[in-house]
Amino acid sequence: MKVCITAQDNNENAQVDPRFGRCAFFAFYDTDSGDYQFFQNEAAFADGGAGTKAGNFIAGKGVRVLMTGHLGPNAETVVNAAGIRLITVNSGAVKDVVDREKAGFK
């Protein structure tokens, strides 16, 4: 299963970015392999609709769980429609929040 964590940098020791639509990077964690992949959030540079664009991006990547601090109402609509479960996380290193929440991913 794919888990998405909003991150301030492109490595597993980066701090969680509490913003969703304007986060710097998306960290994708694969629960089967334990591998991470990082993608720059292109939606962060949008004039408007960043949350919706970010939501569509992660939904298109097959994410099932999202770990972030805050979703705007439009992003929340996209994430809910895609059946992505939200875990609210405002701080900590990406690897640490994944390790802490791992048991609840199923």
PDB file of N, CA and C in Angstrom:
ATOM      1  N   MET A   1       0.839  -1.171   0.000  1.00  0.00           N
ATOM      2  CA  MET A   1       0.000   0.000   0.000  1.00  0.00           C
ATOM      3  C   MET A   1       0.892   1.245   0.000  1.00  0.00           C
ATOM      4  N   LYS A   2       0.430   2.276  -0.670  1.00  0.00           N
ATOM      5  CA  LYS A   2       1.182   3.531  -0.712  1.00  0.00           C
ATOM      6  C   LYS A   2       0.653   4.523   0.318  1.00  0.00           C
ATOM      7  N   VAL A   3       1.590   5.119   1.047  1.00  0.00           N
ATOM      8  CA  VAL A   3       1.303   6.154   2.026  1.00  0.00           C
ATOM      9  C   VAL A   3       2.014   7.421   1.552  1.00  0.00           C
ATOM     10  N   CYS A   4       1.340   8.560   1.625  1.00  0.00           N
ATOM     11  CA  CYS A   4       1.942   9.837   1.252  1.00  0.00           C
ATOM     12  C   CYS A   4       2.118  10.685   2.496  1.00  0.00           C
ATOM     13  N   ILE A   5       3.320  11.244   2.647  1.00  0.00           N
ATOM     14  CA  ILE A   5       3.623  12.147   3.747  1.00  0.00           C
ATOM     15  C   ILE A   5       4.098  13.461   3.133  1.00  0.00           C
ATOM     16  N   THR A   6       3.520  14.569   3.554  1.00  0.00           N
ATOM     17  CA  THR A   6       3.987  15.862   3.057  1.00  0.00           C
ATOM     18  C   THR A   6       5.296  16.194   3.764  1.00  0.00           C
ATOM     19  N   ALA A   7       6.296  16.619   2.986  1.00  0.00           N
ATOM     20  CA  ALA A   7       7.645  16.807   3.524  1.00  0.00           C
ATOM     21  C   ALA A   7       8.250  18.128   3.085  1.00  0.00           C
ATOM     22  N   GLN A   8       9.177  18.628   3.915  1.00  0.00           N
ATOM     23  CA  GLN A   8       9.862  19.878   3.616  1.00  0.00           C
ATOM     24  C   GLN A   8      11.094  19.683   2.736  1.00  0.00           C
ATOM     25  N   ASP A   9      11.538  18.435   2.575  1.00  0.00           N
ATOM     26  CA  ASP A   9      12.705  18.137   1.742  1.00  0.00           C
ATOM     27  C   ASP A   9      12.512  16.746   1.147  1.00  0.00           C
ATOM     28  N   ASN A  10      13.454  16.297   0.344  1.00  0.00           N
ATOM     29  CA  ASN A  10      13.287  15.044  -0.389  1.00  0.00           C
ATOM     30  C   ASN A  10      14.110  13.890   0.195  1.00  0.00           C
ATOM     31  N   ASN A  11      13.992  13.695   1.511  1.00  0.00           N
ATOM     32  CA  ASN A  11      14.629  12.541   2.143  1.00  0.00           C
ATOM     33  C   ASN A  11      13.833  12.156   3.383  1.00  0.00           C
ATOM     34  N   GLU A  12      14.019  10.931   3.836  1.00  0.00           N
ATOM     35  CA  GLU A  12      13.194  10.412   4.928  1.00  0.00           C
ATOM     36  C   GLU A  12      13.475  11.066   6.279  1.00  0.00           C
ATOM     37  N   ASN A  13      14.563  11.808   6.391  1.00  0.00           N
ATOM     38  CA  ASN A  13      14.856  12.545   7.626  1.00  0.00           C
ATOM     39  C   ASN A  13      14.299  13.963   7.608  1.00  0.00           C
ATOM     40  N   ALA A  14      13.683  14.347   6.501  1.00  0.00           N
ATOM     41  CA  ALA A  14      13.091  15.684   6.381  1.00  0.00           C
ATOM     42  C   ALA A  14      11.927  15.832   7.355  1.00  0.00           C
ATOM     43  N   GLN A  15      11.671  17.061   7.746  1.00  0.00           N
ATOM     44  CA  GLN A  15      10.528  17.340   8.610  1.00  0.00           C
ATOM     45  C   GLN A  15       9.234  17.273   7.799  1.00  0.00           C
ATOM     46  N   VAL A  16       8.177  16.829   8.458  1.00  0.00           N
ATOM     47  CA  VAL A  16       6.852  16.839   7.851  1.00  0.00           C
ATOM     48  C   VAL A  16       6.485  18.286   7.555  1.00  0.00           C
ATOM     49  N   ASP A  17       5.904  18.517   6.405  1.00  0.00           N
ATOM     50  CA  ASP A  17       5.383  19.839   6.054  1.00  0.00           C
ATOM     51  C   ASP A  17       3.908  19.839   6.440  1.00  0.00           C
ATOM     52  N   PRO A  18       3.472  20.698   7.345  1.00  0.00           N
ATOM     53  CA  PRO A  18       2.075  20.668   7.778  1.00  0.00           C
ATOM     54  C   PRO A  18       1.081  21.145   6.719  1.00  0.00           C
ATOM     55  N   ARG A  19       1.604  21.721   5.632  1.00  0.00           N
ATOM     56  CA  ARG A  19       0.729  22.171   4.539  1.00  0.00           C
ATOM     57  C   ARG A  19       0.567  21.026   3.543  1.00  0.00           C
ATOM     58  N   PHE A  20      -0.593  20.904   2.960  1.00  0.00           N
ATOM     59  CA  PHE A  20      -0.791  19.882   1.937  1.00  0.00           C
ATOM     60  C   PHE A  20      -0.561  20.454   0.545  1.00  0.00           C
ATOM     61  N   GLY A  21      -1.415  21.332   0.106  1.00  0.00           N
ATOM     62  CA  GLY A  21      -1.342  21.849  -1.255  1.00  0.00           C
ATOM     63  C   GLY A  21      -0.073  22.608  -1.580  1.00  0.00           C
ATOM     64  N   ARG A  22       0.533  23.204  -0.580  1.00  0.00           N
ATOM     65  CA  ARG A  22       1.748  23.999  -0.789  1.00  0.00           C
ATOM     66  C   ARG A  22       2.986  23.368  -0.165  1.00  0.00           C
ATOM     67  N   CYS A  23       2.921  22.079   0.173  1.00  0.00           N
ATOM     68  CA  CYS A  23       4.117  21.414   0.716  1.00  0.00           C
ATOM     69  C   CYS A  23       5.213  21.391  -0.351  1.00  0.00           C
ATOM     70  N   ALA A  24       6.442  21.239   0.083  1.00  0.00           N
ATOM     71  CA  ALA A  24       7.562  21.222  -0.861  1.00  0.00           C
ATOM     72  C   ALA A  24       7.664  19.893  -1.607  1.00  0.00           C
ATOM     73  N   PHE A  25       7.508  18.794  -0.879  1.00  0.00           N
ATOM     74  CA  PHE A  25       7.663  17.460  -1.470  1.00  0.00           C
ATOM     75  C   PHE A  25       6.590  16.515  -0.953  1.00  0.00           C
ATOM     76  N   PHE A  26       6.339  15.481  -1.744  1.00  0.00           N
ATOM     77  CA  PHE A  26       5.537  14.340  -1.306  1.00  0.00           C
ATOM     78  C   PHE A  26       6.486  13.171  -1.118  1.00  0.00           C
ATOM     79  N   ALA A  27       6.442  12.565   0.060  1.00  0.00           N
ATOM     80  CA  ALA A  27       7.191  11.338   0.326  1.00  0.00           C
ATOM     81  C   ALA A  27       6.191  10.195   0.212  1.00  0.00           C
ATOM     82  N   PHE A  28       6.457   9.269  -0.692  1.00  0.00           N
ATOM     83  CA  PHE A  28       5.604   8.094  -0.823  1.00  0.00           C
ATOM     84  C   PHE A  28       6.324   6.922  -0.180  1.00  0.00           C
ATOM     85  N   TYR A  29       5.641   6.305   0.779  1.00  0.00           N
ATOM     86  CA  TYR A  29       6.185   5.152   1.478  1.00  0.00           C
ATOM     87  C   TYR A  29       5.395   3.924   1.052  1.00  0.00           C
ATOM     88  N   ASP A  30       6.084   2.880   0.630  1.00  0.00           N
ATOM     89  CA  ASP A  30       5.453   1.630   0.230  1.00  0.00           C
ATOM     90  C   ASP A  30       5.500   0.671   1.413  1.00  0.00           C
ATOM     91  N   THR A  31       4.340   0.305   1.945  1.00  0.00           N
ATOM     92  CA  THR A  31       4.297  -0.544   3.128  1.00  0.00           C
ATOM     93  C   THR A  31       4.776  -1.968   2.840  1.00  0.00           C
ATOM     94  N   ASP A  32       4.722  -2.394   1.598  1.00  0.00           N
ATOM     95  CA  ASP A  32       5.168  -3.749   1.254  1.00  0.00           C
ATOM     96  C   ASP A  32       6.690  -3.844   1.180  1.00  0.00           C
ATOM     97  N   SER A  33       7.321  -2.878   0.540  1.00  0.00           N
ATOM     98  CA  SER A  33       8.774  -2.938   0.343  1.00  0.00           C
ATOM     99  C   SER A  33       9.559  -2.139   1.384  1.00  0.00           C
ATOM    100  N   GLY A  34       8.902  -1.164   2.029  1.00  0.00           N
ATOM    101  CA  GLY A  34       9.596  -0.279   2.966  1.00  0.00           C
ATOM    102  C   GLY A  34      10.382   0.827   2.274  1.00  0.00           C
ATOM    103  N   ASP A  35      10.191   0.967   0.966  1.00  0.00           N
ATOM    104  CA  ASP A  35      10.925   1.962   0.181  1.00  0.00           C
ATOM    105  C   ASP A  35      10.202   3.308   0.176  1.00  0.00           C
ATOM    106  N   TYR A  36      10.999   4.366   0.020  1.00  0.00           N
ATOM    107  CA  TYR A  36      10.485   5.727  -0.123  1.00  0.00           C
ATOM    108  C   TYR A  36      10.760   6.220  -1.539  1.00  0.00           C
ATOM    109  N   GLN A  37       9.834   7.038  -2.049  1.00  0.00           N
ATOM    110  CA  GLN A  37      10.028   7.788  -3.286  1.00  0.00           C
ATOM    111  C   GLN A  37       9.635   9.227  -2.976  1.00  0.00           C
ATOM    112  N   PHE A  38      10.337  10.172  -3.566  1.00  0.00           N
ATOM    113  CA  PHE A  38      10.058  11.587  -3.311  1.00  0.00           C
ATOM    114  C   PHE A  38       9.753  12.305  -4.616  1.00  0.00           C
ATOM    115  N   PHE A  39       8.735  13.157  -4.569  1.00  0.00           N
ATOM    116  CA  PHE A  39       8.327  13.951  -5.724  1.00  0.00           C
ATOM    117  C   PHE A  39       8.177  15.394  -5.287  1.00  0.00           C
ATOM    118  N   GLN A  40       8.743  16.306  -6.056  1.00  0.00           N
ATOM    119  CA  GLN A  40       8.512  17.721  -5.790  1.00  0.00           C
ATOM    120  C   GLN A  40       7.041  18.011  -6.045  1.00  0.00           C
ATOM    121  N   ASN A  41       6.440  18.814  -5.211  1.00  0.00           N
ATOM    122  CA  ASN A  41       5.036  19.172  -5.363  1.00  0.00           C
ATOM    123  C   ASN A  41       4.916  20.319  -6.357  1.00  0.00           C
ATOM    124  N   GLU A  42       4.634  19.991  -7.587  1.00  0.00           N
ATOM    125  CA  GLU A  42       4.486  21.006  -8.631  1.00  0.00           C
ATOM    126  C   GLU A  42       3.283  21.913  -8.373  1.00  0.00           C
ATOM    127  N   ALA A  43       2.279  21.414  -7.650  1.00  0.00           N
ATOM    128  CA  ALA A  43       1.090  22.206  -7.358  1.00  0.00           C
ATOM    129  C   ALA A  43       1.401  23.376  -6.428  1.00  0.00           C
ATOM    130  N   ALA A  44       2.494  23.289  -5.688  1.00  0.00           N
ATOM    131  CA  ALA A  44       2.858  24.350  -4.745  1.00  0.00           C
ATOM    132  C   ALA A  44       3.073  25.685  -5.444  1.00  0.00           C
ATOM    133  N   PHE A  45       3.381  25.656  -6.725  1.00  0.00           N
ATOM    134  CA  PHE A  45       3.679  26.865  -7.481  1.00  0.00           C
ATOM    135  C   PHE A  45       2.476  27.389  -8.255  1.00  0.00           C
ATOM    136  N   ALA A  46       1.329  26.741  -8.100  1.00  0.00           N
ATOM    137  CA  ALA A  46       0.124  27.148  -8.824  1.00  0.00           C
ATOM    138  C   ALA A  46      -0.422  28.458  -8.272  1.00  0.00           C
ATOM    139  N   ASP A  47      -1.009  29.254  -9.141  1.00  0.00           N
ATOM    140  CA  ASP A  47      -1.630  30.504  -8.707  1.00  0.00           C
ATOM    141  C   ASP A  47      -2.848  30.239  -7.829  1.00  0.00           C
ATOM    142  N   GLY A  48      -3.527  29.152  -8.085  1.00  0.00           N
ATOM    143  CA  GLY A  48      -4.715  28.778  -7.324  1.00  0.00           C
ATOM    144  C   GLY A  48      -4.990  27.307  -7.497  1.00  0.00           C
ATOM    145  N   GLY A  49      -5.785  26.743  -6.616  1.00  0.00           N
ATOM    146  CA  GLY A  49      -6.164  25.339  -6.726  1.00  0.00           C
ATOM    147  C   GLY A  49      -5.058  24.366  -6.378  1.00  0.00           C
ATOM    148  N   ALA A  50      -4.091  24.799  -5.569  1.00  0.00           N
ATOM    149  CA  ALA A  50      -2.954  23.929  -5.241  1.00  0.00           C
ATOM    150  C   ALA A  50      -3.406  22.650  -4.544  1.00  0.00           C
ATOM    151  N   GLY A  51      -4.346  22.766  -3.620  1.00  0.00           N
ATOM    152  CA  GLY A  51      -4.807  21.591  -2.884  1.00  0.00           C
ATOM    153  C   GLY A  51      -5.500  20.577  -3.777  1.00  0.00           C
ATOM    154  N   THR A  52      -6.319  21.069  -4.696  1.00  0.00           N
ATOM    155  CA  THR A  52      -7.017  20.187  -5.626  1.00  0.00           C
ATOM    156  C   THR A  52      -6.019  19.489  -6.547  1.00  0.00           C
ATOM    157  N   LYS A  53      -5.065  20.240  -7.063  1.00  0.00           N
ATOM    158  CA  LYS A  53      -4.046  19.661  -7.944  1.00  0.00           C
ATOM    159  C   LYS A  53      -3.202  18.640  -7.192  1.00  0.00           C
ATOM    160  N   ALA A  54      -2.808  18.959  -5.971  1.00  0.00           N
ATOM    161  CA  ALA A  54      -2.015  18.026  -5.166  1.00  0.00           C
ATOM    162  C   ALA A  54      -2.824  16.760  -4.863  1.00  0.00           C
ATOM    163  N   GLY A  55      -4.096  16.935  -4.543  1.00  0.00           N
ATOM    164  CA  GLY A  55      -4.963  15.784  -4.269  1.00  0.00           C
ATOM    165  C   GLY A  55      -5.104  14.874  -5.467  1.00  0.00           C
ATOM    166  N   ASN A  56      -5.283  15.460  -6.638  1.00  0.00           N
ATOM    167  CA  ASN A  56      -5.382  14.659  -7.860  1.00  0.00           C
ATOM    168  C   ASN A  56      -4.072  13.937  -8.154  1.00  0.00           C
ATOM    169  N   PHE A  57      -2.943  14.599  -7.877  1.00  0.00           N
ATOM    170  CA  PHE A  57      -1.638  13.980  -8.109  1.00  0.00           C
ATOM    171  C   PHE A  57      -1.467  12.734  -7.243  1.00  0.00           C
ATOM    172  N   ILE A  58      -1.713  12.864  -5.935  1.00  0.00           N
ATOM    173  CA  ILE A  58      -1.485  11.701  -5.068  1.00  0.00           C
ATOM    174  C   ILE A  58      -2.513  10.599  -5.326  1.00  0.00           C
ATOM    175  N   ALA A  59      -3.741  10.981  -5.659  1.00  0.00           N
ATOM    176  CA  ALA A  59      -4.751   9.973  -5.987  1.00  0.00           C
ATOM    177  C   ALA A  59      -4.335   9.195  -7.232  1.00  0.00           C
ATOM    178  N   GLY A  60      -3.769   9.893  -8.209  1.00  0.00           N
ATOM    179  CA  GLY A  60      -3.302   9.250  -9.430  1.00  0.00           C
ATOM    180  C   GLY A  60      -2.135   8.308  -9.219  1.00  0.00           C
ATOM    181  N   LYS A  61      -1.426   8.489  -8.113  1.00  0.00           N
ATOM    182  CA  LYS A  61      -0.296   7.616  -7.773  1.00  0.00           C
ATOM    183  C   LYS A  61      -0.730   6.416  -6.940  1.00  0.00           C
ATOM    184  N   GLY A  62      -2.027   6.316  -6.643  1.00  0.00           N
ATOM    185  CA  GLY A  62      -2.535   5.161  -5.909  1.00  0.00           C
ATOM    186  C   GLY A  62      -2.354   5.216  -4.401  1.00  0.00           C
ATOM    187  N   VAL A  63      -2.232   6.419  -3.862  1.00  0.00           N
ATOM    188  CA  VAL A  63      -2.066   6.580  -2.414  1.00  0.00           C
ATOM    189  C   VAL A  63      -3.347   6.153  -1.700  1.00  0.00           C
ATOM    190  N   ARG A  64      -3.195   5.440  -0.577  1.00  0.00           N
ATOM    191  CA  ARG A  64      -4.339   4.990   0.231  1.00  0.00           C
ATOM    192  C   ARG A  64      -4.407   5.710   1.574  1.00  0.00           C
ATOM    193  N   VAL A  65      -3.253   6.235   2.061  1.00  0.00           N
ATOM    194  CA  VAL A  65      -3.198   6.954   3.338  1.00  0.00           C
ATOM    195  C   VAL A  65      -2.391   8.227   3.120  1.00  0.00           C
ATOM    196  N   LEU A  66      -2.892   9.345   3.644  1.00  0.00           N
ATOM    197  CA  LEU A  66      -2.204  10.632   3.566  1.00  0.00           C
ATOM    198  C   LEU A  66      -1.892  11.109   4.974  1.00  0.00           C
ATOM    199  N   MET A  67      -0.627  11.471   5.185  1.00  0.00           N
ATOM    200  CA  MET A  67      -0.201  12.036   6.464  1.00  0.00           C
ATOM    201  C   MET A  67       0.218  13.483   6.213  1.00  0.00           C
ATOM    202  N   THR A  68      -0.543  14.423   6.766  1.00  0.00           N
ATOM    203  CA  THR A  68      -0.272  15.847   6.593  1.00  0.00           C
ATOM    204  C   THR A  68      -0.916  16.609   7.735  1.00  0.00           C
ATOM    205  N   GLY A  69      -0.660  17.900   7.784  1.00  0.00           N
ATOM    206  CA  GLY A  69      -1.203  18.708   8.860  1.00  0.00           C
ATOM    207  C   GLY A  69      -2.568  19.292   8.571  1.00  0.00           C
ATOM    208  N   HIS A  70      -2.764  19.813   7.373  1.00  0.00           N
ATOM    209  CA  HIS A  70      -3.997  20.537   7.089  1.00  0.00           C
ATOM    210  C   HIS A  70      -4.391  20.388   5.628  1.00  0.00           C
ATOM    211  N   LEU A  71      -5.671  20.113   5.423  1.00  0.00           N
ATOM    212  CA  LEU A  71      -6.256  20.090   4.079  1.00  0.00           C
ATOM    213  C   LEU A  71      -7.274  21.218   3.986  1.00  0.00           C
ATOM    214  N   GLY A  72      -7.225  21.962   2.897  1.00  0.00           N
ATOM    215  CA  GLY A  72      -8.280  22.927   2.627  1.00  0.00           C
ATOM    216  C   GLY A  72      -9.532  22.176   2.199  1.00  0.00           C
ATOM    217  N   PRO A  73     -10.665  22.863   2.133  1.00  0.00           N
ATOM    218  CA  PRO A  73     -11.926  22.181   1.810  1.00  0.00           C
ATOM    219  C   PRO A  73     -11.948  21.527   0.429  1.00  0.00           C
ATOM    220  N   ASN A  74     -11.346  22.152  -0.569  1.00  0.00           N
ATOM    221  CA  ASN A  74     -11.341  21.553  -1.907  1.00  0.00           C
ATOM    222  C   ASN A  74     -10.422  20.334  -1.970  1.00  0.00           C
ATOM    223  N   ALA A  75      -9.277  20.425  -1.327  1.00  0.00           N
ATOM    224  CA  ALA A  75      -8.370  19.277  -1.273  1.00  0.00           C
ATOM    225  C   ALA A  75      -9.019  18.129  -0.512  1.00  0.00           C
ATOM    226  N   GLU A  76      -9.712  18.462   0.561  1.00  0.00           N
ATOM    227  CA  GLU A  76     -10.384  17.430   1.350  1.00  0.00           C
ATOM    228  C   GLU A  76     -11.431  16.698   0.513  1.00  0.00           C
ATOM    229  N   THR A  77     -12.150  17.433  -0.324  1.00  0.00           N
ATOM    230  CA  THR A  77     -13.144  16.819  -1.201  1.00  0.00           C
ATOM    231  C   THR A  77     -12.488  15.830  -2.150  1.00  0.00           C
ATOM    232  N   VAL A  78     -11.369  16.216  -2.751  1.00  0.00           N
ATOM    233  CA  VAL A  78     -10.646  15.336  -3.689  1.00  0.00           C
ATOM    234  C   VAL A  78     -10.120  14.093  -2.967  1.00  0.00           C
ATOM    235  N   VAL A  79      -9.511  14.298  -1.825  1.00  0.00           N
ATOM    236  CA  VAL A  79      -8.926  13.187  -1.059  1.00  0.00           C
ATOM    237  C   VAL A  79     -10.021  12.218  -0.602  1.00  0.00           C
ATOM    238  N   ASN A  80     -11.127  12.753  -0.093  1.00  0.00           N
ATOM    239  CA  ASN A  80     -12.228  11.890   0.340  1.00  0.00           C
ATOM    240  C   ASN A  80     -12.835  11.128  -0.827  1.00  0.00           C
ATOM    241  N   ALA A  81     -13.016  11.794  -1.961  1.00  0.00           N
ATOM    242  CA  ALA A  81     -13.588  11.139  -3.141  1.00  0.00           C
ATOM    243  C   ALA A  81     -12.707  10.003  -3.634  1.00  0.00           C
ATOM    244  N   ALA A  82     -11.401  10.125  -3.432  1.00  0.00           N
ATOM    245  CA  ALA A  82     -10.466   9.082  -3.855  1.00  0.00           C
ATOM    246  C   ALA A  82     -10.357   7.948  -2.828  1.00  0.00           C
ATOM    247  N   GLY A  83     -11.035   8.090  -1.695  1.00  0.00           N
ATOM    248  CA  GLY A  83     -10.990   7.055  -0.670  1.00  0.00           C
ATOM    249  C   GLY A  83      -9.683   7.009   0.097  1.00  0.00           C
ATOM    250  N   ILE A  84      -8.977   8.137   0.137  1.00  0.00           N
ATOM    251  CA  ILE A  84      -7.695   8.213   0.842  1.00  0.00           C
ATOM    252  C   ILE A  84      -7.971   8.553   2.306  1.00  0.00           C
ATOM    253  N   ARG A  85      -7.405   7.755   3.207  1.00  0.00           N
ATOM    254  CA  ARG A  85      -7.565   7.983   4.645  1.00  0.00           C
ATOM    255  C   ARG A  85      -6.559   9.023   5.109  1.00  0.00           C
ATOM    256  N   LEU A  86      -7.000   9.944   5.956  1.00  0.00           N
ATOM    257  CA  LEU A  86      -6.157  11.027   6.451  1.00  0.00           C
ATOM    258  C   LEU A  86      -5.692  10.734   7.871  1.00  0.00           C
ATOM    259  N   ILE A  87      -4.395  10.892   8.097  1.00  0.00           N
ATOM    260  CA  ILE A  87      -3.820  10.883   9.442  1.00  0.00           C
ATOM    261  C   ILE A  87      -3.184  12.258   9.628  1.00  0.00           C
ATOM    262  N   THR A  88      -3.667  13.007  10.612  1.00  0.00           N
ATOM    263  CA  THR A  88      -3.159  14.360  10.839  1.00  0.00           C
ATOM    264  C   THR A  88      -1.829  14.307  11.577  1.00  0.00           C
ATOM    265  N   VAL A  89      -0.813  14.910  10.962  1.00  0.00           N
ATOM    266  CA  VAL A  89       0.536  14.976  11.524  1.00  0.00           C
ATOM    267  C   VAL A  89       1.068  16.372  11.219  1.00  0.00           C
ATOM    268  N   ASN A  90       1.500  17.083  12.252  1.00  0.00           N
ATOM    269  CA  ASN A  90       1.976  18.450  12.059  1.00  0.00           C
ATOM    270  C   ASN A  90       3.480  18.615  12.165  1.00  0.00           C
ATOM    271  N   SER A  91       4.166  17.651  12.772  1.00  0.00           N
ATOM    272  CA  SER A  91       5.608  17.807  12.956  1.00  0.00           C
ATOM    273  C   SER A  91       6.270  16.448  13.103  1.00  0.00           C
ATOM    274  N   GLY A  92       7.606  16.471  13.035  1.00  0.00           N
ATOM    275  CA  GLY A  92       8.397  15.255  13.149  1.00  0.00           C
ATOM    276  C   GLY A  92       9.070  14.940  11.834  1.00  0.00           C
ATOM    277  N   ALA A  93      10.036  14.052  11.893  1.00  0.00           N
ATOM    278  CA  ALA A  93      10.715  13.594  10.677  1.00  0.00           C
ATOM    279  C   ALA A  93       9.830  12.581   9.966  1.00  0.00           C
ATOM    280  N   VAL A  94       9.894  12.568   8.643  1.00  0.00           N
ATOM    281  CA  VAL A  94       9.083  11.659   7.839  1.00  0.00           C
ATOM    282  C   VAL A  94       9.217  10.222   8.338  1.00  0.00           C
ATOM    283  N   LYS A  95      10.440   9.740   8.473  1.00  0.00           N
ATOM    284  CA  LYS A  95      10.667   8.356   8.902  1.00  0.00           C
ATOM    285  C   LYS A  95      10.064   8.103  10.278  1.00  0.00           C
ATOM    286  N   ASP A  96      10.194   9.051  11.183  1.00  0.00           N
ATOM    287  CA  ASP A  96       9.667   8.876  12.539  1.00  0.00           C
ATOM    288  C   ASP A  96       8.144   8.801  12.565  1.00  0.00           C
ATOM    289  N   VAL A  97       7.468   9.647  11.788  1.00  0.00           N
ATOM    290  CA  VAL A  97       6.000   9.589  11.792  1.00  0.00           C
ATOM    291  C   VAL A  97       5.509   8.318  11.105  1.00  0.00           C
ATOM    292  N   VAL A  98       6.216   7.864  10.081  1.00  0.00           N
ATOM    293  CA  VAL A  98       5.850   6.593   9.446  1.00  0.00           C
ATOM    294  C   VAL A  98       6.011   5.457  10.453  1.00  0.00           C
ATOM    295  N   ASP A  99       7.147   5.403  11.139  1.00  0.00           N
ATOM    296  CA  ASP A  99       7.378   4.348  12.123  1.00  0.00           C
ATOM    297  C   ASP A  99       6.330   4.376  13.235  1.00  0.00           C
ATOM    298  N   ARG A 100       5.958   5.563  13.670  1.00  0.00           N
ATOM    299  CA  ARG A 100       4.984   5.708  14.757  1.00  0.00           C
ATOM    300  C   ARG A 100       3.589   5.255  14.336  1.00  0.00           C
ATOM    301  N   GLU A 101       3.215   5.501  13.083  1.00  0.00           N
ATOM    302  CA  GLU A 101       1.853   5.214  12.620  1.00  0.00           C
ATOM    303  C   GLU A 101       1.729   3.902  11.849  1.00  0.00           C
ATOM    304  N   LYS A 102       2.829   3.222  11.628  1.00  0.00           N
ATOM    305  CA  LYS A 102       2.864   2.028  10.773  1.00  0.00           C
ATOM    306  C   LYS A 102       1.764   1.008  11.098  1.00  0.00           C
ATOM    307  N   ALA A 103       1.520   0.762  12.353  1.00  0.00           N
ATOM    308  CA  ALA A 103       0.528  -0.236  12.745  1.00  0.00           C
ATOM    309  C   ALA A 103      -0.878   0.132  12.280  1.00  0.00           C
ATOM    310  N   GLY A 104      -1.164   1.412  12.113  1.00  0.00           N
ATOM    311  CA  GLY A 104      -2.487   1.845  11.715  1.00  0.00           C
ATOM    312  C   GLY A 104      -2.724   1.949  10.212  1.00  0.00           C
ATOM    313  N   PHE A 105      -1.743   1.595   9.401  1.00  0.00           N
ATOM    314  CA  PHE A 105      -1.881   1.735   7.943  1.00  0.00           C
ATOM    315  C   PHE A 105      -2.842   0.726   7.324  1.00  0.00           C
ATOM    316  N   LYS A 106      -3.051  -0.377   7.936  1.00  0.00           N
ATOM    317  CA  LYS A 106      -3.853  -1.459   7.337  1.00  0.00           C
ATOM    318  C   LYS A 106      -5.311  -1.159   7.296  1.00  0.00           C
TER     319      LYS A 106
END
